[in-house]
Amino acid sequence: MVNAASHPTAPERRERHRQAAHEGMLGAPKLNPFGDLHTLQHLSARLARAFRGVFEPLMRQELRCWAEPLAVQRFADYRAERMEPLIAWLPLGMQGMMAHGQALCVLDGKFVLELLDLFFGGTGAAPLTLPGEFSPAAEAMIARIGAMVAAPLRTAWEPLARIDFTVGRPESNAAMIADIDGEDPVVVTRFGIAAGPAKLVFIDLVYPVAALKPHGASLTAKVLGKSAEPDPAWRNGLTRAAMDVRFPIRSVLAEPVVPLSMLMNLKPGDVIPITIAGDVPVMVGTDRLGVGTVGTSNGRAAIRLTALTRLDEGQNS
C-alpha cells in the first residue's frame, strides 16, 4: 500500500497527532472535500524517489528518501505546529490548463544553513544560535533548492496534469505569504530525508485545497483501480506533439560489389556501374516501411511507394 506507514526507523520529528486525510470533527467545517486522496499519496511516493537525485549532490552522501502519509488541516494549525526558530516558506506557483494557485515548499532554517555551508565548501555546520531571518546568500540557496524540487515535482504530476511550478520569493515569516489565509484548508505532504543514523530532515509540500479542486476526481481515483479520464486538452496536446515527431526516411538504390584490386585503382572520372531494381526498399530508421519505384517529382528524384510492410510482418521477419 502506498504510504501505508512511515519509514521503519524514522519517527516523526514533532510528536503530534496528524489528522488523517479522511477524518473530520463533528460540528467543524469540512476541511477535506475529496475523501481518500489515493492518487496524491501515490504521486508523493514517486516524488520521494526523485528527491534522492535532488539532495544527494547537495549533501554529498547517499540518502534514504520517503513520503509520510499526508494530512489535511487548517493552514493556521499547520503554522502553529511548526515551532522551529527559523523556517523557509517558499511559494511555488502552480500554472496549467486546469491549475491556478500556489503551493508551498517548507524547509527548516537549520537545514538550509547546513546546505549553504556545504555549498561553499564547508562541513555542513549551522550556527548554534540561528538568526532571525535569512541572509541574501541563504535566500539564494532556498531559491536554488526550490528550482531543483520544481523539476521532479512537475514530472511527478505529469501523469495527472501538466502543471508548471514557478519559484517565488522565500519568506521567514508565514504571515507574509500571500494568497493563503489561516482558515484555508491545506493538504500537507511530508518527505523524510536521512543519511545512515544521522538526524532526520523533513521537507513539507503544502497544497491549498482550493488549488487541487480542479483535479478532485483524479486525486481520489484508486491507484490500482479504474484510472481517471485524462484531461482532453492534455491528451490532444500530447497527440499533436507525437504527430510532429520527425523520422528520417532513406532508401538504398544500389549496393555494387567490386574487387579490392579495382577499388585500390579507382581514380577521379572512373565509372562504377550499378543496377537499380524495379522495387527498392524504403526504411524508417532500421525498420522497413515498404518498397517503391524510383522516378522524379517536380524535377526532383523521388520514390513512389508501391507496397507497405504490415506491422505484424515486420515483427515476424
C-alpha atoms as a PDB file:
ATOM      1  CA  MET A   1       0.000   0.000   0.000  1.00  0.00           C
ATOM      2  CA  VAL A   2       1.378   3.380  -0.953  1.00  0.00           C
ATOM      3  CA  ASN A   3       2.455   5.410   2.076  1.00  0.00           C
ATOM      4  CA  ALA A   4       0.790   2.995   4.478  1.00  0.00           C
ATOM      5  CA  ALA A   5       3.396   3.717   7.138  1.00  0.00           C
ATOM      6  CA  SER A   6       6.464   5.818   7.717  1.00  0.00           C
ATOM      7  CA  HIS A   7       9.958   4.509   7.246  1.00  0.00           C
ATOM      8  CA  PRO A   8      10.535   1.873   9.949  1.00  0.00           C
ATOM      9  CA  THR A   9      13.426   3.780  11.529  1.00  0.00           C
ATOM     10  CA  ALA A  10      12.004   7.268  11.002  1.00  0.00           C
ATOM     11  CA  PRO A  11       9.840   8.604  13.832  1.00  0.00           C
ATOM     12  CA  GLU A  12       8.244  11.956  13.165  1.00  0.00           C
ATOM     13  CA  ARG A  13      10.283  14.907  14.279  1.00  0.00           C
ATOM     14  CA  ARG A  14       7.390  16.565  16.100  1.00  0.00           C
ATOM     15  CA  GLU A  15       5.314  14.452  18.440  1.00  0.00           C
ATOM     16  CA  ARG A  16       1.792  15.264  17.438  1.00  0.00           C
ATOM     17  CA  HIS A  17      -1.419  13.741  16.161  1.00  0.00           C
ATOM     18  CA  ARG A  18      -1.757  14.280  12.430  1.00  0.00           C
ATOM     19  CA  GLN A  19      -5.338  14.230  11.288  1.00  0.00           C
ATOM     20  CA  ALA A  20      -5.812  11.710   8.513  1.00  0.00           C
ATOM     21  CA  ALA A  21      -6.937  12.927   5.126  1.00  0.00           C
ATOM     22  CA  HIS A  22     -10.427  11.453   5.518  1.00  0.00           C
ATOM     23  CA  GLU A  23     -11.091  12.371   9.149  1.00  0.00           C
ATOM     24  CA  GLY A  24     -13.189  15.265  10.362  1.00  0.00           C
ATOM     25  CA  MET A  25     -14.659  16.579  13.597  1.00  0.00           C
ATOM     26  CA  LEU A  26     -18.382  16.743  14.240  1.00  0.00           C
ATOM     27  CA  GLY A  27     -19.661  20.298  14.050  1.00  0.00           C
ATOM     28  CA  ALA A  28     -16.477  21.596  12.398  1.00  0.00           C
ATOM     29  CA  PRO A  29     -16.262  22.789   8.793  1.00  0.00           C
ATOM     30  CA  LYS A  30     -15.281  20.036   6.395  1.00  0.00           C
ATOM     31  CA  LEU A  31     -11.615  20.547   5.591  1.00  0.00           C
ATOM     32  CA  ASN A  32     -11.226  17.823   3.001  1.00  0.00           C
ATOM     33  CA  PRO A  33     -13.871  17.724   0.248  1.00  0.00           C
ATOM     34  CA  PHE A  34     -12.070  14.921  -1.604  1.00  0.00           C
ATOM     35  CA  GLY A  35     -12.122  11.891   0.685  1.00  0.00           C
ATOM     36  CA  ASP A  36      -9.187   9.485   0.367  1.00  0.00           C
ATOM     37  CA  LEU A  37      -6.513  11.090  -1.786  1.00  0.00           C
ATOM     38  CA  HIS A  38      -5.130   7.852  -3.200  1.00  0.00           C
ATOM     39  CA  THR A  39      -3.522   9.353  -6.278  1.00  0.00           C
ATOM     40  CA  LEU A  40      -1.878  12.210  -4.376  1.00  0.00           C
ATOM     41  CA  GLN A  41      -0.286   9.729  -1.979  1.00  0.00           C
ATOM     42  CA  HIS A  42       0.979   7.703  -4.927  1.00  0.00           C
ATOM     43  CA  LEU A  43       2.275  10.900  -6.541  1.00  0.00           C
ATOM     44  CA  SER A  44       4.146  11.782  -3.320  1.00  0.00           C
ATOM     45  CA  ALA A  45       5.742   8.328  -3.235  1.00  0.00           C
ATOM     46  CA  ARG A  46       7.042   8.831  -6.785  1.00  0.00           C
ATOM     47  CA  LEU A  47       8.345  12.269  -5.884  1.00  0.00           C
ATOM     48  CA  ALA A  48      10.166  10.909  -2.825  1.00  0.00           C
ATOM     49  CA  ARG A  49      12.193   8.576  -5.035  1.00  0.00           C
ATOM     50  CA  ALA A  50      13.182  11.520  -7.221  1.00  0.00           C
ATOM     51  CA  PHE A  51      14.314  13.560  -4.190  1.00  0.00           C
ATOM     52  CA  ARG A  52      17.456  11.448  -3.901  1.00  0.00           C
ATOM     53  CA  GLY A  53      18.718  12.935  -7.140  1.00  0.00           C
ATOM     54  CA  VAL A  54      17.973  16.426  -5.812  1.00  0.00           C
ATOM     55  CA  PHE A  55      19.553  16.290  -2.352  1.00  0.00           C
ATOM     56  CA  GLU A  56      22.386  13.757  -2.683  1.00  0.00           C
ATOM     57  CA  PRO A  57      24.533  16.205  -4.737  1.00  0.00           C
ATOM     58  CA  LEU A  58      23.818  18.952  -2.205  1.00  0.00           C
ATOM     59  CA  MET A  59      24.520  16.808   0.873  1.00  0.00           C
ATOM     60  CA  ARG A  60      27.398  14.862  -0.747  1.00  0.00           C
ATOM     61  CA  GLN A  61      26.266  11.483   0.555  1.00  0.00           C
ATOM     62  CA  GLU A  62      23.864   8.664  -0.193  1.00  0.00           C
ATOM     63  CA  LEU A  63      20.391   9.258   1.212  1.00  0.00           C
ATOM     64  CA  ARG A  64      17.153   7.483   2.021  1.00  0.00           C
ATOM     65  CA  CYS A  65      14.029   9.411   0.993  1.00  0.00           C
ATOM     66  CA  TRP A  66      10.397   8.500   1.608  1.00  0.00           C
ATOM     67  CA  ALA A  67       6.940  10.060   1.785  1.00  0.00           C
ATOM     68  CA  GLU A  68       4.949  10.282   5.013  1.00  0.00           C
ATOM     69  CA  PRO A  69       1.136   9.828   4.994  1.00  0.00           C
ATOM     70  CA  LEU A  70      -0.488  13.106   4.009  1.00  0.00           C
ATOM     71  CA  ALA A  71      -2.742  15.190   6.256  1.00  0.00           C
ATOM     72  CA  VAL A  72      -5.435  17.836   5.717  1.00  0.00           C
ATOM     73  CA  GLN A  73      -5.681  20.727   8.202  1.00  0.00           C
ATOM     74  CA  ARG A  74      -6.186  24.453   8.519  1.00  0.00           C
ATOM     75  CA  PHE A  75      -3.169  26.478   7.444  1.00  0.00           C
ATOM     76  CA  ALA A  76      -3.168  28.295  10.796  1.00  0.00           C
ATOM     77  CA  ASP A  77      -2.979  24.962  12.647  1.00  0.00           C
ATOM     78  CA  TYR A  78      -0.116  23.826  10.445  1.00  0.00           C
ATOM     79  CA  ARG A  79       1.765  27.061  11.089  1.00  0.00           C
ATOM     80  CA  ALA A  80       1.240  26.661  14.846  1.00  0.00           C
ATOM     81  CA  GLU A  81       2.812  23.193  14.733  1.00  0.00           C
ATOM     82  CA  ARG A  82       5.985  24.475  13.110  1.00  0.00           C
ATOM     83  CA  MET A  83       7.812  25.570  16.249  1.00  0.00           C
ATOM     84  CA  GLU A  84      11.324  25.815  14.773  1.00  0.00           C
ATOM     85  CA  PRO A  85      13.009  29.193  15.341  1.00  0.00           C
ATOM     86  CA  LEU A  86      13.734  29.688  11.634  1.00  0.00           C
ATOM     87  CA  ILE A  87      11.674  28.329   8.745  1.00  0.00           C
ATOM     88  CA  ALA A  88      11.819  28.940   4.996  1.00  0.00           C
ATOM     89  CA  TRP A  89       8.391  29.369   3.372  1.00  0.00           C
ATOM     90  CA  LEU A  90       8.939  29.139  -0.368  1.00  0.00           C
ATOM     91  CA  PRO A  91       5.946  29.776  -2.688  1.00  0.00           C
ATOM     92  CA  LEU A  92       5.639  27.537  -5.731  1.00  0.00           C
ATOM     93  CA  GLY A  93       3.233  28.983  -8.277  1.00  0.00           C
ATOM     94  CA  MET A  94       1.025  26.387  -9.996  1.00  0.00           C
ATOM     95  CA  GLN A  95       0.138  27.141 -13.609  1.00  0.00           C
ATOM     96  CA  GLY A  96      -1.558  24.746 -16.023  1.00  0.00           C
ATOM     97  CA  MET A  97      -4.638  24.048 -18.137  1.00  0.00           C
ATOM     98  CA  MET A  98      -6.799  23.474 -15.034  1.00  0.00           C
ATOM     99  CA  ALA A  99      -4.456  24.687 -12.312  1.00  0.00           C
ATOM    100  CA  HIS A 100      -4.037  28.142 -10.904  1.00  0.00           C
ATOM    101  CA  GLY A 101      -2.803  28.638  -7.387  1.00  0.00           C
ATOM    102  CA  GLN A 102       0.186  28.434  -5.128  1.00  0.00           C
ATOM    103  CA  ALA A 103       1.798  25.596  -3.223  1.00  0.00           C
ATOM    104  CA  LEU A 104       4.467  25.963  -0.542  1.00  0.00           C
ATOM    105  CA  CYS A 105       7.788  24.235  -0.028  1.00  0.00           C
ATOM    106  CA  VAL A 106       8.581  24.434   3.700  1.00  0.00           C
ATOM    107  CA  LEU A 107      12.207  23.926   4.812  1.00  0.00           C
ATOM    108  CA  ASP A 108      13.843  24.042   8.238  1.00  0.00           C
ATOM    109  CA  GLY A 109      16.141  27.035   8.516  1.00  0.00           C
ATOM    110  CA  LYS A 110      18.911  24.964  10.093  1.00  0.00           C
ATOM    111  CA  PHE A 111      18.827  22.537   7.163  1.00  0.00           C
ATOM    112  CA  VAL A 112      19.083  25.456   4.726  1.00  0.00           C
ATOM    113  CA  LEU A 113      22.118  26.884   6.539  1.00  0.00           C
ATOM    114  CA  GLU A 114      23.768  23.456   6.591  1.00  0.00           C
ATOM    115  CA  LEU A 115      23.327  23.133   2.832  1.00  0.00           C
ATOM    116  CA  LEU A 116      24.648  26.661   2.372  1.00  0.00           C
ATOM    117  CA  ASP A 117      27.806  25.780   4.317  1.00  0.00           C
ATOM    118  CA  LEU A 118      28.273  22.637   2.215  1.00  0.00           C
ATOM    119  CA  PHE A 119      27.755  24.646  -0.981  1.00  0.00           C
ATOM    120  CA  PHE A 120      30.668  26.931  -0.068  1.00  0.00           C
ATOM    121  CA  GLY A 121      32.973  24.010   0.765  1.00  0.00           C
ATOM    122  CA  GLY A 122      32.261  23.673   4.472  1.00  0.00           C
ATOM    123  CA  THR A 123      31.404  20.622   6.550  1.00  0.00           C
ATOM    124  CA  GLY A 124      27.680  21.330   6.723  1.00  0.00           C
ATOM    125  CA  ALA A 125      27.700  23.104  10.082  1.00  0.00           C
ATOM    126  CA  ALA A 126      24.976  25.578  11.058  1.00  0.00           C
ATOM    127  CA  PRO A 127      25.265  28.295  13.746  1.00  0.00           C
ATOM    128  CA  LEU A 128      24.340  27.149  17.261  1.00  0.00           C
ATOM    129  CA  THR A 129      22.061  30.166  17.530  1.00  0.00           C
ATOM    130  CA  LEU A 130      20.013  30.605  14.395  1.00  0.00           C
ATOM    131  CA  PRO A 131      19.482  34.139  13.049  1.00  0.00           C
ATOM    132  CA  GLY A 132      16.069  35.749  12.997  1.00  0.00           C
ATOM    133  CA  GLU A 133      15.955  35.885   9.203  1.00  0.00           C
ATOM    134  CA  PHE A 134      17.778  34.574   6.173  1.00  0.00           C
ATOM    135  CA  SER A 135      20.744  36.335   4.587  1.00  0.00           C
ATOM    136  CA  PRO A 136      20.708  37.063   0.836  1.00  0.00           C
ATOM    137  CA  ALA A 137      23.004  34.064   0.309  1.00  0.00           C
ATOM    138  CA  ALA A 138      20.610  31.814   2.257  1.00  0.00           C
ATOM    139  CA  GLU A 139      17.643  33.128   0.259  1.00  0.00           C
ATOM    140  CA  ALA A 140      19.533  32.321  -2.933  1.00  0.00           C
ATOM    141  CA  MET A 141      20.123  28.781  -1.623  1.00  0.00           C
ATOM    142  CA  ILE A 142      16.404  28.412  -0.821  1.00  0.00           C
ATOM    143  CA  ALA A 143      15.502  29.529  -4.336  1.00  0.00           C
ATOM    144  CA  ARG A 144      18.061  27.079  -5.742  1.00  0.00           C
ATOM    145  CA  ILE A 145      16.519  24.226  -3.745  1.00  0.00           C
ATOM    146  CA  GLY A 146      13.058  25.274  -4.936  1.00  0.00           C
ATOM    147  CA  ALA A 147      14.143  25.212  -8.581  1.00  0.00           C
ATOM    148  CA  MET A 148      15.678  21.756  -8.093  1.00  0.00           C
ATOM    149  CA  VAL A 149      12.487  20.493  -6.430  1.00  0.00           C
ATOM    150  CA  ALA A 150      10.194  22.006  -9.085  1.00  0.00           C
ATOM    151  CA  ALA A 151      11.562  19.829 -11.915  1.00  0.00           C
ATOM    152  CA  PRO A 152      10.803  16.391 -10.366  1.00  0.00           C
ATOM    153  CA  LEU A 153       7.581  17.811  -8.919  1.00  0.00           C
ATOM    154  CA  ARG A 154       6.431  18.720 -12.435  1.00  0.00           C
ATOM    155  CA  THR A 155       7.387  15.231 -13.632  1.00  0.00           C
ATOM    156  CA  ALA A 156       5.552  13.535 -10.761  1.00  0.00           C
ATOM    157  CA  TRP A 157       2.365  15.461 -11.565  1.00  0.00           C
ATOM    158  CA  GLU A 158       2.583  14.896 -15.333  1.00  0.00           C
ATOM    159  CA  PRO A 159       0.545  11.631 -15.462  1.00  0.00           C
ATOM    160  CA  LEU A 160      -2.264  13.530 -13.714  1.00  0.00           C
ATOM    161  CA  ALA A 161      -1.959  17.065 -15.105  1.00  0.00           C
ATOM    162  CA  ARG A 162       0.601  19.271 -16.809  1.00  0.00           C
ATOM    163  CA  ILE A 163       1.450  21.853 -14.160  1.00  0.00           C
ATOM    164  CA  ASP A 164       4.389  24.239 -14.171  1.00  0.00           C
ATOM    165  CA  PHE A 165       5.768  25.112 -10.731  1.00  0.00           C
ATOM    166  CA  THR A 166       7.491  28.503 -10.569  1.00  0.00           C
ATOM    167  CA  VAL A 167       9.670  29.537  -7.644  1.00  0.00           C
ATOM    168  CA  GLY A 168       8.669  32.673  -5.745  1.00  0.00           C
ATOM    169  CA  ARG A 169      10.420  34.761  -3.112  1.00  0.00           C
ATOM    170  CA  PRO A 170      11.180  32.881   0.134  1.00  0.00           C
ATOM    171  CA  GLU A 171       9.885  34.251   3.427  1.00  0.00           C
ATOM    172  CA  SER A 172      10.902  33.560   7.015  1.00  0.00           C
ATOM    173  CA  ASN A 173       7.505  34.756   8.297  1.00  0.00           C
ATOM    174  CA  ALA A 174       4.484  32.714   7.201  1.00  0.00           C
ATOM    175  CA  ALA A 175       2.230  35.739   7.711  1.00  0.00           C
ATOM    176  CA  MET A 176       3.901  37.312   4.677  1.00  0.00           C
ATOM    177  CA  ILE A 177       2.710  34.525   2.362  1.00  0.00           C
ATOM    178  CA  ALA A 178       0.079  35.889   0.005  1.00  0.00           C
ATOM    179  CA  ASP A 179      -2.987  34.035  -1.308  1.00  0.00           C
ATOM    180  CA  ILE A 180      -3.201  31.599   1.637  1.00  0.00           C
ATOM    181  CA  ASP A 181      -5.329  32.559   4.634  1.00  0.00           C
ATOM    182  CA  GLY A 182      -5.043  30.990   8.058  1.00  0.00           C
ATOM    183  CA  GLU A 183      -8.527  29.466   7.755  1.00  0.00           C
ATOM    184  CA  ASP A 184      -7.813  27.887   4.370  1.00  0.00           C
ATOM    185  CA  PRO A 185      -7.614  24.075   4.392  1.00  0.00           C
ATOM    186  CA  VAL A 186      -4.358  22.682   3.053  1.00  0.00           C
ATOM    187  CA  VAL A 187      -3.017  19.234   2.166  1.00  0.00           C
ATOM    188  CA  VAL A 188       0.348  18.624   3.843  1.00  0.00           C
ATOM    189  CA  THR A 189       2.672  16.116   2.169  1.00  0.00           C
ATOM    190  CA  ARG A 190       5.810  15.371   4.164  1.00  0.00           C
ATOM    191  CA  PHE A 191       9.055  13.856   2.882  1.00  0.00           C
ATOM    192  CA  GLY A 192      11.769  12.349   5.045  1.00  0.00           C
ATOM    193  CA  ILE A 193      15.464  12.507   4.196  1.00  0.00           C
ATOM    194  CA  ALA A 194      18.090  10.551   6.135  1.00  0.00           C
ATOM    195  CA  ALA A 195      21.710   9.521   5.690  1.00  0.00           C
ATOM    196  CA  GLY A 196      22.504   6.444   7.783  1.00  0.00           C
ATOM    197  CA  PRO A 197      21.951   7.014  11.504  1.00  0.00           C
ATOM    198  CA  ALA A 198      22.178  10.807  11.116  1.00  0.00           C
ATOM    199  CA  LYS A 199      19.383  13.057  12.302  1.00  0.00           C
ATOM    200  CA  LEU A 200      16.353  13.039  10.050  1.00  0.00           C
ATOM    201  CA  VAL A 201      15.284  16.030   7.998  1.00  0.00           C
ATOM    202  CA  PHE A 202      11.697  16.595   6.881  1.00  0.00           C
ATOM    203  CA  ILE A 203      10.535  18.723   3.959  1.00  0.00           C
ATOM    204  CA  ASP A 204       6.875  19.650   3.535  1.00  0.00           C
ATOM    205  CA  LEU A 205       4.982  20.445   0.354  1.00  0.00           C
ATOM    206  CA  VAL A 206       1.732  22.191   1.217  1.00  0.00           C
ATOM    207  CA  TYR A 207      -1.110  22.397  -1.311  1.00  0.00           C
ATOM    208  CA  PRO A 208      -4.163  24.617  -0.702  1.00  0.00           C
ATOM    209  CA  VAL A 209      -7.316  22.525  -1.108  1.00  0.00           C
ATOM    210  CA  ALA A 210      -8.724  25.209  -3.431  1.00  0.00           C
ATOM    211  CA  ALA A 211      -5.796  24.723  -5.847  1.00  0.00           C
ATOM    212  CA  LEU A 212      -6.436  20.970  -6.015  1.00  0.00           C
ATOM    213  CA  LYS A 213     -10.213  21.104  -6.565  1.00  0.00           C
ATOM    214  CA  PRO A 214      -9.974  21.070 -10.403  1.00  0.00           C
ATOM    215  CA  HIS A 215      -8.239  17.679 -10.060  1.00  0.00           C
ATOM    216  CA  GLY A 216     -10.513  16.247  -7.370  1.00  0.00           C
ATOM    217  CA  ALA A 217     -11.795  13.298  -9.418  1.00  0.00           C
ATOM    218  CA  SER A 218      -8.290  12.236 -10.425  1.00  0.00           C
ATOM    219  CA  LEU A 219      -6.797  12.710  -6.966  1.00  0.00           C
ATOM    220  CA  THR A 220      -9.295  10.338  -5.367  1.00  0.00           C
ATOM    221  CA  ALA A 221      -9.035   7.587  -8.015  1.00  0.00           C
ATOM    222  CA  LYS A 222      -7.728   4.234  -6.840  1.00  0.00           C
ATOM    223  CA  VAL A 223      -4.105   3.796  -7.909  1.00  0.00           C
ATOM    224  CA  LEU A 224      -4.662   0.164  -8.920  1.00  0.00           C
ATOM    225  CA  GLY A 225      -8.331   0.550  -9.814  1.00  0.00           C
ATOM    226  CA  LYS A 226     -10.101   2.260 -12.677  1.00  0.00           C
ATOM    227  CA  SER A 227      -7.940   5.093 -13.910  1.00  0.00           C
ATOM    228  CA  ALA A 228      -9.329   8.597 -14.093  1.00  0.00           C
ATOM    229  CA  GLU A 229     -10.186  10.023 -17.506  1.00  0.00           C
ATOM    230  CA  PRO A 230      -7.278  12.037 -18.905  1.00  0.00           C
ATOM    231  CA  ASP A 231      -7.652  15.750 -19.440  1.00  0.00           C
ATOM    232  CA  PRO A 232      -8.898  16.125 -23.076  1.00  0.00           C
ATOM    233  CA  ALA A 233      -6.789  19.223 -23.667  1.00  0.00           C
ATOM    234  CA  TRP A 234      -3.675  17.473 -22.345  1.00  0.00           C
ATOM    235  CA  ARG A 235      -4.417  14.352 -24.422  1.00  0.00           C
ATOM    236  CA  ASN A 236      -4.953  16.405 -27.605  1.00  0.00           C
ATOM    237  CA  GLY A 237      -1.752  18.322 -26.958  1.00  0.00           C
ATOM    238  CA  LEU A 238       0.148  15.066 -26.456  1.00  0.00           C
ATOM    239  CA  THR A 239      -1.294  13.683 -29.700  1.00  0.00           C
ATOM    240  CA  ARG A 240      -0.269  16.800 -31.643  1.00  0.00           C
ATOM    241  CA  ALA A 241       3.231  16.653 -30.151  1.00  0.00           C
ATOM    242  CA  ALA A 242       3.551  12.969 -31.090  1.00  0.00           C
ATOM    243  CA  MET A 243       2.377  13.682 -34.641  1.00  0.00           C
ATOM    244  CA  ASP A 244       5.091  16.339 -35.031  1.00  0.00           C
ATOM    245  CA  VAL A 245       7.941  13.919 -34.224  1.00  0.00           C
ATOM    246  CA  ARG A 246      10.233  13.716 -37.275  1.00  0.00           C
ATOM    247  CA  PHE A 247      11.710  10.438 -38.554  1.00  0.00           C
ATOM    248  CA  PRO A 248      14.441  10.074 -41.211  1.00  0.00           C
ATOM    249  CA  ILE A 249      13.371   8.068 -44.262  1.00  0.00           C
ATOM    250  CA  ARG A 250      16.043   6.521 -46.515  1.00  0.00           C
ATOM    251  CA  SER A 251      16.285   4.165 -49.419  1.00  0.00           C
ATOM    252  CA  VAL A 252      19.255   2.186 -50.732  1.00  0.00           C
ATOM    253  CA  LEU A 253      19.116   2.315 -54.525  1.00  0.00           C
ATOM    254  CA  ALA A 254      22.065   0.031 -55.155  1.00  0.00           C
ATOM    255  CA  GLU A 255      24.926  -1.710 -53.374  1.00  0.00           C
ATOM    256  CA  PRO A 256      27.538  -2.607 -56.025  1.00  0.00           C
ATOM    257  CA  VAL A 257      30.272  -5.083 -55.167  1.00  0.00           C
ATOM    258  CA  VAL A 258      33.746  -4.603 -56.687  1.00  0.00           C
ATOM    259  CA  PRO A 259      37.021  -6.490 -56.141  1.00  0.00           C
ATOM    260  CA  LEU A 260      39.719  -4.956 -53.967  1.00  0.00           C
ATOM    261  CA  SER A 261      42.058  -4.559 -56.947  1.00  0.00           C
ATOM    262  CA  MET A 262      39.542  -2.336 -58.731  1.00  0.00           C
ATOM    263  CA  LEU A 263      38.833  -0.411 -55.533  1.00  0.00           C
ATOM    264  CA  MET A 264      42.515   0.389 -54.999  1.00  0.00           C
ATOM    265  CA  ASN A 265      42.949   1.567 -58.611  1.00  0.00           C
ATOM    266  CA  LEU A 266      39.959   3.926 -58.662  1.00  0.00           C
ATOM    267  CA  LYS A 267      40.650   7.495 -59.731  1.00  0.00           C
ATOM    268  CA  PRO A 268      38.511  10.556 -60.459  1.00  0.00           C
ATOM    269  CA  GLY A 269      36.466  10.007 -63.612  1.00  0.00           C
ATOM    270  CA  ASP A 270      36.110   6.235 -63.235  1.00  0.00           C
ATOM    271  CA  VAL A 271      32.591   4.855 -63.522  1.00  0.00           C
ATOM    272  CA  ILE A 272      31.161   2.187 -61.201  1.00  0.00           C
ATOM    273  CA  PRO A 273      28.199   0.534 -62.903  1.00  0.00           C
ATOM    274  CA  ILE A 274      25.094  -0.042 -60.797  1.00  0.00           C
ATOM    275  CA  THR A 275      21.825  -1.781 -61.387  1.00  0.00           C
ATOM    276  CA  ILE A 276      18.657  -0.351 -59.818  1.00  0.00           C
ATOM    277  CA  ALA A 277      15.999  -2.939 -59.132  1.00  0.00           C
ATOM    278  CA  GLY A 278      12.399  -2.322 -60.068  1.00  0.00           C
ATOM    279  CA  ASP A 279      11.416  -2.054 -56.380  1.00  0.00           C
ATOM    280  CA  VAL A 280      13.777  -0.539 -53.838  1.00  0.00           C
ATOM    281  CA  PRO A 281      13.329  -0.772 -50.045  1.00  0.00           C
ATOM    282  CA  VAL A 282      12.177   2.299 -48.109  1.00  0.00           C
ATOM    283  CA  MET A 283      13.395   2.375 -44.498  1.00  0.00           C
ATOM    284  CA  VAL A 284      12.403   4.350 -41.386  1.00  0.00           C
ATOM    285  CA  GLY A 285      15.331   4.018 -39.026  1.00  0.00           C
ATOM    286  CA  THR A 286      16.108   0.297 -39.022  1.00  0.00           C
ATOM    287  CA  ASP A 287      12.540  -0.746 -39.878  1.00  0.00           C
ATOM    288  CA  ARG A 288      11.274  -1.480 -43.371  1.00  0.00           C
ATOM    289  CA  LEU A 289       8.398   0.837 -44.314  1.00  0.00           C
ATOM    290  CA  GLY A 290       7.768  -0.739 -47.731  1.00  0.00           C
ATOM    291  CA  VAL A 291       9.046  -0.751 -51.311  1.00  0.00           C
ATOM    292  CA  GLY A 292       8.762   1.674 -54.203  1.00  0.00           C
ATOM    293  CA  THR A 293       9.936   2.582 -57.681  1.00  0.00           C
ATOM    294  CA  VAL A 294      12.474   5.302 -58.435  1.00  0.00           C
ATOM    295  CA  GLY A 295      11.403   8.288 -60.516  1.00  0.00           C
ATOM    296  CA  THR A 296      11.088  12.082 -60.440  1.00  0.00           C
ATOM    297  CA  SER A 297       8.565  14.510 -58.990  1.00  0.00           C
ATOM    298  CA  ASN A 298       8.613  18.267 -59.659  1.00  0.00           C
ATOM    299  CA  GLY A 299      12.095  17.961 -61.098  1.00  0.00           C
ATOM    300  CA  ARG A 300      13.474  16.126 -58.051  1.00  0.00           C
ATOM    301  CA  ALA A 301      14.373  12.467 -57.542  1.00  0.00           C
ATOM    302  CA  ALA A 302      11.574  10.637 -55.743  1.00  0.00           C
ATOM    303  CA  ILE A 303      10.280   7.182 -54.853  1.00  0.00           C
ATOM    304  CA  ARG A 304       6.682   6.107 -55.462  1.00  0.00           C
ATOM    305  CA  LEU A 305       5.545   3.652 -52.787  1.00  0.00           C
ATOM    306  CA  THR A 306       4.126   0.504 -54.335  1.00  0.00           C
ATOM    307  CA  ALA A 307       3.644  -1.548 -51.178  1.00  0.00           C
ATOM    308  CA  LEU A 308       3.745  -1.010 -47.392  1.00  0.00           C
ATOM    309  CA  THR A 309       5.032  -3.537 -44.899  1.00  0.00           C
ATOM    310  CA  ARG A 310       2.414  -4.611 -42.363  1.00  0.00           C
ATOM    311  CA  LEU A 311       3.418  -4.242 -38.720  1.00  0.00           C
ATOM    312  CA  ASP A 312       2.902  -7.910 -37.910  1.00  0.00           C
ATOM    313  CA  GLU A 313       5.013  -8.883 -40.932  1.00  0.00           C
ATOM    314  CA  GLY A 314       7.855  -6.714 -39.691  1.00  0.00           C
ATOM    315  CA  GLN A 315       7.665  -8.316 -36.233  1.00  0.00           C
ATOM    316  CA  ASN A 316       7.688 -11.848 -37.639  1.00  0.00           C
ATOM    317  CA  SER A 317      10.576 -11.224 -40.016  1.00  0.00           C
END
